[in-house]
Amino acid sequence: MMNSIPSTMRAMVMEKKGQPLMLQTVPVPVPGVGEVLIKVIACGVCRTDLHIVDGELPSPVLPLIPGHEIIGEVAAVGEGVTTLAAGEKVGVPWLAYTCGHCKYCSLGQENLCEHALFTGYSVPGGYADYMVALADYCLPVPAPYAHPGGAPLMCAGLIGYRSWRMVPEQAQHIGLYGFGAAAHILVQIARYHYKSVYAFTRPDDKAGESFALKMGATWAGSSLDPPPVLLDAAIIFAPDGSLVPQALAQVDRGGVVICGGIHMSDIPGFPYRLLWEERSVRSVANLTRKDGLLLMDTIQHVPVSAMVQTYPLEQANEALQALRKGEIKGAAVLVM
């Protein structure tokens, strides 16, 4: 290790589900074979972090350092790493490891790997001054995004982009349910491709509607309101299962409803007529490294700007609470 790397660091640690994170001083990790040590520049605060902290996702490896939307700088490399060098800027996403030989990996579906590990869930994440990651799972970050504003791209951007790729190419009218971190990035990509976006927010969230229109939505309204046209596709980012039949009711024949979250409340029963006429419902699970490379390539020619509200590391609990209460317009980011 380089002499400039300290022996200890600050980290926000989850000891038990449903309890606030604890600011602790812990040893700086040492990169192993194939790993790099990353000095964290910033880490986005994702709704998935809320699901982990609140106990809605089972079996996190405790004690845990959450966080999987990381922008950082390589501080040291472990044995066998030849693709990255100290000083390079990288992004670290949710997908931390895949086995490479299960049936899903063999089919190019590493997002479904039976033995996958996930950053900030099954391995330590980025709510800290330093972290380690496998070099092969780090993403090259274009220079204009190697700062706190680029952090939300590592999950909100990636999941939004994977959801976007499930939308039929011919779709023109696209609904986005839950206008948060992912939707406010995706609307910019959609508008670049001359698509019309209809943003659905919480009832009476006039600030959210205004924000959606500011970011480029054609129309914005309550999730209970019908849009002015039938939708060709809808993406649901809000973790509310009741939105699935609501979205189906607004989707035209042959349309698709895509569930873009890792957690969602139960979907209530609904009449078959909402699904009939070849409408479909799909889910998005995790991401692949190919998704990451495609998005990094896309943002080099599609202008994307994340609206971020920054917090110092020690205010991670405040950032999570603001997200929980729907007070973040855009994305929350911890800056080290």
Protein backbone atom coordinates (compact mmCIF):
# COMPACT_ATOMS: atom_id res chain seq x y z
CA MET A 1 0.00 0.00 0.00
CA MET A 2 1.00 3.59 -0.54
CA ASN A 3 2.16 5.50 2.52
CA SER A 4 -0.54 8.13 2.00
CA ILE A 5 -3.30 5.64 2.76
CA PRO A 6 -4.31 5.79 6.43
CA SER A 7 -4.73 2.71 8.58
CA THR A 8 -8.25 3.61 9.72
CA MET A 9 -11.28 5.28 8.18
CA ARG A 10 -14.77 6.51 8.96
CA ALA A 11 -17.74 4.34 8.02
CA MET A 12 -21.49 4.38 8.60
CA VAL A 13 -22.29 0.88 9.82
CA MET A 14 -25.58 -1.01 9.99
CA GLU A 15 -25.57 -3.18 13.12
CA LYS A 16 -29.25 -4.23 13.18
CA LYS A 17 -32.16 -3.79 10.81
CA GLY A 18 -34.54 -0.98 11.58
CA GLN A 19 -31.96 0.98 13.57
CA PRO A 20 -29.95 4.08 12.59
CA LEU A 21 -26.51 3.58 11.10
CA MET A 22 -23.59 4.12 13.47
CA LEU A 23 -20.57 6.28 12.63
CA GLN A 24 -17.53 4.12 13.44
CA THR A 25 -13.76 4.16 12.97
CA VAL A 26 -12.72 0.92 11.29
CA PRO A 27 -9.57 -0.41 9.58
CA VAL A 28 -9.00 0.55 5.95
CA PRO A 29 -9.49 -2.69 3.98
CA VAL A 30 -6.58 -4.28 2.13
CA PRO A 31 -7.22 -5.25 -1.51
CA GLY A 32 -6.94 -8.97 -2.17
CA VAL A 33 -6.30 -10.86 -5.39
CA GLY A 34 -8.13 -9.17 -8.25
CA GLU A 35 -9.31 -6.30 -6.05
CA VAL A 36 -8.64 -2.58 -5.91
CA LEU A 37 -8.74 -0.22 -2.93
CA ILE A 38 -10.91 2.77 -3.77
CA LYS A 39 -10.88 6.15 -2.06
CA VAL A 40 -14.56 7.07 -2.10
CA ILE A 41 -15.34 10.50 -3.56
CA ALA A 42 -19.10 10.16 -3.20
CA CYS A 43 -21.78 7.53 -2.70
CA GLY A 44 -25.40 7.90 -3.71
CA VAL A 45 -28.19 7.13 -1.25
CA CYS A 46 -30.46 4.69 -3.04
CA ARG A 47 -33.96 3.48 -2.19
CA THR A 48 -32.47 -0.02 -2.08
CA ASP A 49 -30.37 1.18 0.88
CA LEU A 50 -33.65 2.05 2.59
CA HIS A 51 -35.02 -1.42 1.90
CA ILE A 52 -31.86 -2.93 3.42
CA VAL A 53 -31.78 -0.69 6.51
CA ASP A 54 -35.52 -1.10 7.10
CA GLY A 55 -35.28 -4.90 6.88
CA GLU A 56 -37.37 -5.26 3.72
CA LEU A 57 -34.57 -7.16 1.96
CA PRO A 58 -33.62 -10.36 3.79
CA SER A 59 -30.24 -11.49 5.07
CA PRO A 60 -27.79 -8.60 4.67
CA VAL A 61 -24.32 -9.53 5.92
CA LEU A 62 -24.13 -7.73 9.29
CA PRO A 63 -22.43 -5.61 10.44
CA LEU A 64 -22.70 -3.91 7.08
CA ILE A 65 -21.41 -0.76 5.41
CA PRO A 66 -24.21 0.09 2.93
CA GLY A 67 -23.92 1.99 -0.33
CA HIS A 68 -23.67 0.90 -3.97
CA GLU A 69 -23.62 4.10 -6.03
CA ILE A 70 -19.93 4.89 -5.71
CA ILE A 71 -17.65 7.27 -7.55
CA GLY A 72 -14.06 6.93 -6.40
CA GLU A 73 -10.38 6.93 -7.20
CA VAL A 74 -8.21 3.83 -7.23
CA ALA A 75 -5.79 4.16 -4.30
CA ALA A 76 -4.03 0.77 -4.56
CA VAL A 77 -4.32 -2.44 -6.55
CA GLY A 78 -4.21 -6.03 -5.38
CA GLU A 79 -2.30 -8.96 -6.83
CA GLY A 80 -3.15 -9.78 -10.43
CA VAL A 81 -4.87 -6.49 -11.31
CA THR A 82 -3.66 -5.20 -14.67
CA THR A 83 -6.73 -3.32 -15.94
CA LEU A 84 -6.69 -0.49 -13.38
CA ALA A 85 -3.97 1.67 -11.82
CA ALA A 86 -3.74 4.04 -8.88
CA GLY A 87 -5.24 7.43 -9.69
CA GLU A 88 -7.90 6.20 -12.10
CA LYS A 89 -11.52 7.22 -11.50
CA VAL A 90 -14.04 4.39 -11.34
CA GLY A 91 -17.65 3.69 -10.53
CA VAL A 92 -18.79 0.81 -8.34
CA PRO A 93 -22.35 -0.46 -8.88
CA TRP A 94 -24.68 -2.92 -7.11
CA LEU A 95 -23.30 -6.04 -8.83
CA ALA A 96 -20.10 -6.97 -6.98
CA TYR A 97 -19.39 -10.56 -8.09
CA THR A 98 -20.79 -13.35 -10.25
CA CYS A 99 -19.60 -16.95 -10.47
CA GLY A 100 -19.21 -17.02 -14.27
CA HIS A 101 -20.32 -20.63 -14.70
CA CYS A 102 -23.88 -21.14 -13.43
CA LYS A 103 -26.58 -21.54 -16.10
CA TYR A 104 -27.48 -17.84 -15.97
CA CYS A 105 -23.89 -16.63 -16.32
CA SER A 106 -23.46 -19.09 -19.20
CA LEU A 107 -26.46 -17.53 -20.95
CA GLY A 108 -25.18 -13.98 -20.52
CA GLN A 109 -27.65 -13.29 -17.70
CA GLU A 110 -25.16 -12.58 -14.94
CA ASN A 111 -27.73 -10.32 -13.28
CA LEU A 112 -29.52 -13.57 -12.32
CA CYS A 113 -26.37 -15.40 -11.15
CA GLU A 114 -27.15 -17.99 -8.47
CA HIS A 115 -24.05 -17.03 -6.48
CA ALA A 116 -23.94 -13.26 -7.03
CA LEU A 117 -22.72 -10.83 -4.38
CA PHE A 118 -23.94 -7.26 -4.11
CA THR A 119 -22.18 -4.08 -3.04
CA GLY A 120 -23.45 -2.68 0.24
CA TYR A 121 -25.54 -5.78 0.92
CA SER A 122 -23.44 -8.95 0.85
CA VAL A 123 -20.07 -7.14 0.73
CA PRO A 124 -19.13 -3.76 2.29
CA GLY A 125 -20.22 -0.72 0.33
CA GLY A 126 -19.45 2.95 -0.10
CA TYR A 127 -20.75 4.69 3.03
CA ALA A 128 -17.09 5.01 4.03
CA ASP A 129 -13.85 6.78 3.18
CA TYR A 130 -12.43 3.69 1.47
CA MET A 131 -13.72 0.39 0.10
CA VAL A 132 -12.47 -2.58 -1.91
CA ALA A 133 -14.05 -3.96 -5.07
CA LEU A 134 -13.18 -6.53 -7.69
CA ALA A 135 -11.45 -4.71 -10.53
CA ASP A 136 -13.49 -6.58 -13.14
CA TYR A 137 -16.74 -5.19 -11.69
CA CYS A 138 -15.68 -1.54 -11.58
CA LEU A 139 -16.90 0.73 -14.36
CA PRO A 140 -14.83 3.29 -16.27
CA VAL A 141 -16.37 6.70 -15.56
CA PRO A 142 -16.20 9.44 -18.22
CA ALA A 143 -14.34 12.45 -16.83
CA PRO A 144 -17.42 14.76 -16.79
CA TYR A 145 -19.11 12.35 -14.35
CA ALA A 146 -16.17 11.62 -12.01
CA HIS A 147 -17.68 13.72 -9.22
CA PRO A 148 -20.62 13.49 -6.77
CA GLY A 149 -23.12 14.27 -9.53
CA GLY A 150 -22.12 11.03 -11.25
CA ALA A 151 -22.86 8.78 -8.25
CA PRO A 152 -26.60 8.25 -8.96
CA LEU A 153 -25.72 6.84 -12.38
CA MET A 154 -24.24 3.76 -10.69
CA CYS A 155 -27.69 2.42 -9.72
CA ALA A 156 -30.54 4.83 -10.41
CA GLY A 157 -29.05 5.43 -13.85
CA LEU A 158 -28.24 1.78 -14.47
CA ILE A 159 -31.58 0.35 -13.36
CA GLY A 160 -33.39 3.07 -15.26
CA TYR A 161 -31.35 2.29 -18.35
CA ARG A 162 -31.95 -1.47 -18.08
CA SER A 163 -35.67 -0.75 -17.70
CA TRP A 164 -35.49 1.58 -20.71
CA ARG A 165 -33.98 -1.19 -22.83
CA MET A 166 -37.10 -3.30 -22.12
CA VAL A 167 -39.36 -0.62 -23.63
CA PRO A 168 -40.29 -1.49 -27.24
CA GLU A 169 -38.34 0.70 -29.66
CA GLN A 170 -41.51 1.90 -31.35
CA ALA A 171 -43.06 3.09 -28.07
CA GLN A 172 -43.72 6.83 -28.12
CA HIS A 173 -45.75 7.55 -24.96
CA ILE A 174 -43.97 6.29 -21.85
CA GLY A 175 -45.19 6.57 -18.27
CA LEU A 176 -42.83 6.79 -15.29
CA TYR A 177 -44.39 5.99 -11.91
CA GLY A 178 -42.37 7.40 -9.02
CA PHE A 179 -40.38 10.39 -10.20
CA GLY A 180 -37.22 10.03 -8.13
CA ALA A 181 -33.55 9.39 -8.83
CA ALA A 182 -33.99 6.86 -11.64
CA ALA A 183 -36.87 8.62 -13.40
CA HIS A 184 -35.25 12.06 -13.43
CA ILE A 185 -32.21 10.59 -15.21
CA LEU A 186 -34.21 8.40 -17.58
CA VAL A 187 -36.49 11.23 -18.73
CA GLN A 188 -33.44 12.98 -20.14
CA ILE A 189 -32.49 9.92 -22.21
CA ALA A 190 -36.08 9.47 -23.36
CA ARG A 191 -36.40 13.09 -24.44
CA TYR A 192 -33.11 12.82 -26.37
CA HIS A 193 -34.80 10.04 -28.37
CA TYR A 194 -37.89 12.21 -28.93
CA LYS A 195 -40.15 10.17 -26.65
CA SER A 196 -43.00 11.72 -24.67
CA VAL A 197 -42.77 11.04 -20.94
CA TYR A 198 -45.73 11.11 -18.55
CA ALA A 199 -44.67 11.40 -14.91
CA PHE A 200 -46.80 10.02 -12.08
CA THR A 201 -46.10 11.23 -8.54
CA ARG A 202 -47.65 10.78 -5.12
CA PRO A 203 -51.12 12.31 -4.82
CA ASP A 204 -50.94 16.06 -4.03
CA ASP A 205 -47.17 16.17 -4.62
CA LYS A 206 -47.25 19.41 -6.60
CA ALA A 207 -43.52 19.96 -6.02
CA GLY A 208 -42.83 16.55 -7.55
CA GLU A 209 -45.02 17.33 -10.54
CA SER A 210 -43.23 20.64 -11.05
CA PHE A 211 -39.85 18.91 -10.81
CA ALA A 212 -40.88 16.32 -13.41
CA LEU A 213 -41.98 19.01 -15.85
CA LYS A 214 -38.75 20.91 -15.25
CA MET A 215 -36.74 17.79 -16.09
CA GLY A 216 -38.57 17.34 -19.40
CA ALA A 217 -41.77 15.39 -18.79
CA THR A 218 -44.58 16.15 -21.25
CA TRP A 219 -47.21 15.77 -18.51
CA ALA A 220 -47.12 15.24 -14.75
CA GLY A 221 -49.87 14.27 -12.36
CA SER A 222 -50.95 12.04 -9.53
CA SER A 223 -50.58 8.28 -9.83
CA LEU A 224 -54.37 8.20 -9.42
CA ASP A 225 -54.95 10.42 -12.48
CA PRO A 226 -55.24 9.19 -16.08
CA PRO A 227 -52.68 10.66 -18.50
CA PRO A 228 -53.96 12.59 -21.53
CA VAL A 229 -53.13 9.65 -23.86
CA LEU A 230 -52.90 5.89 -23.57
CA LEU A 231 -49.34 4.78 -22.84
CA ASP A 232 -47.27 2.46 -25.00
CA ALA A 233 -45.20 1.42 -21.97
CA ALA A 234 -44.87 2.26 -18.29
CA ILE A 235 -41.98 1.86 -15.87
CA ILE A 236 -42.73 1.66 -12.15
CA PHE A 237 -39.91 2.82 -9.87
CA ALA A 238 -42.03 3.37 -6.76
CA PRO A 239 -42.12 0.31 -4.43
CA ASP A 240 -45.93 0.22 -4.43
CA GLY A 241 -47.54 -2.91 -5.85
CA SER A 242 -50.92 -1.19 -6.23
CA LEU A 243 -49.41 0.81 -9.09
CA VAL A 244 -49.20 -2.28 -11.31
CA PRO A 245 -52.95 -2.56 -12.03
CA GLN A 246 -53.15 1.24 -12.17
CA ALA A 247 -50.46 1.31 -14.84
CA LEU A 248 -52.05 -1.57 -16.77
CA ALA A 249 -55.27 0.43 -16.91
CA GLN A 250 -53.41 3.27 -18.66
CA VAL A 251 -51.40 1.11 -21.11
CA ASP A 252 -52.63 0.63 -24.67
CA ARG A 253 -53.03 -2.72 -26.42
CA GLY A 254 -49.75 -4.63 -26.65
CA GLY A 255 -48.14 -2.36 -24.08
CA VAL A 256 -45.75 -3.35 -21.31
CA VAL A 257 -45.52 -2.45 -17.63
CA ILE A 258 -41.98 -2.77 -16.27
CA CYS A 259 -41.32 -3.00 -12.53
CA GLY A 260 -37.93 -1.41 -11.97
CA GLY A 261 -37.44 -1.79 -8.22
CA ILE A 262 -35.72 -4.50 -6.20
CA HIS A 263 -38.57 -4.48 -3.67
CA MET A 264 -42.28 -3.84 -4.05
CA SER A 265 -45.29 -4.30 -1.83
CA ASP A 266 -47.73 -7.04 -2.84
CA ILE A 267 -49.59 -6.55 -6.10
CA PRO A 268 -53.35 -6.62 -5.47
CA GLY A 269 -55.70 -8.74 -7.54
CA PHE A 270 -57.01 -7.16 -10.71
CA PRO A 271 -59.44 -8.14 -13.48
CA TYR A 272 -58.07 -10.06 -16.43
CA ARG A 273 -59.34 -7.38 -18.82
CA LEU A 274 -56.44 -5.14 -17.68
CA LEU A 275 -53.94 -7.73 -18.89
CA TRP A 276 -55.86 -8.84 -21.97
CA GLU A 277 -55.05 -7.57 -25.48
CA GLU A 278 -51.46 -8.75 -25.07
CA ARG A 279 -50.40 -6.36 -22.37
CA SER A 280 -47.51 -7.70 -20.27
CA VAL A 281 -45.80 -7.14 -16.93
CA ARG A 282 -42.02 -7.53 -16.54
CA SER A 283 -39.53 -7.05 -13.73
CA VAL A 284 -35.95 -5.80 -13.72
CA ALA A 285 -33.45 -7.72 -11.60
CA ASN A 286 -30.06 -6.22 -10.78
CA LEU A 287 -27.82 -5.36 -13.74
CA THR A 288 -25.05 -6.75 -15.90
CA ARG A 289 -21.62 -5.31 -16.54
CA LYS A 290 -22.73 -4.88 -20.16
CA ASP A 291 -25.52 -2.58 -18.92
CA GLY A 292 -22.89 -0.49 -17.18
CA LEU A 293 -20.63 -0.22 -20.20
CA LEU A 294 -23.56 0.66 -22.46
CA LEU A 295 -24.71 3.42 -20.11
CA MET A 296 -21.19 4.81 -19.77
CA ASP A 297 -21.01 4.92 -23.56
CA THR A 298 -24.48 6.49 -23.83
CA ILE A 299 -23.76 9.38 -21.47
CA GLN A 300 -20.79 10.40 -23.59
CA HIS A 301 -23.16 11.55 -26.35
CA VAL A 302 -26.51 11.93 -24.55
CA PRO A 303 -26.36 14.90 -22.15
CA VAL A 304 -27.46 13.63 -18.73
CA SER A 305 -27.30 15.62 -15.53
CA ALA A 306 -28.34 14.25 -12.15
CA MET A 307 -29.87 16.72 -9.71
CA VAL A 308 -28.24 15.93 -6.37
CA GLN A 309 -28.67 16.97 -2.77
CA THR A 310 -25.40 16.37 -0.95
CA TYR A 311 -24.79 15.34 2.65
CA PRO A 312 -21.57 14.70 4.57
CA LEU A 313 -20.91 11.05 5.40
CA GLU A 314 -21.91 11.42 9.05
CA GLN A 315 -25.39 12.59 7.98
CA ALA A 316 -26.27 9.36 6.17
CA ASN A 317 -29.21 8.76 8.51
CA GLU A 318 -30.61 12.21 7.72
CA ALA A 319 -30.29 11.51 4.01
CA LEU A 320 -32.07 8.17 4.37
CA GLN A 321 -34.86 9.79 6.36
CA ALA A 322 -35.31 12.53 3.76
CA LEU A 323 -35.56 9.85 1.07
CA ARG A 324 -38.00 7.86 3.22
CA LYS A 325 -40.25 10.91 3.55
CA GLY A 326 -40.12 11.76 -0.16
CA GLU A 327 -38.27 15.01 0.40
CA ILE A 328 -35.49 14.42 -2.13
CA LYS A 329 -36.07 15.83 -5.61
CA GLY A 330 -33.52 14.03 -7.73
CA ALA A 331 -30.97 12.05 -5.72
CA ALA A 332 -29.24 12.24 -2.34
CA VAL A 333 -25.46 11.80 -2.33
CA LEU A 334 -22.98 11.39 0.52
CA VAL A 335 -19.77 13.32 -0.10
CA MET A 336 -16.65 12.22 1.74
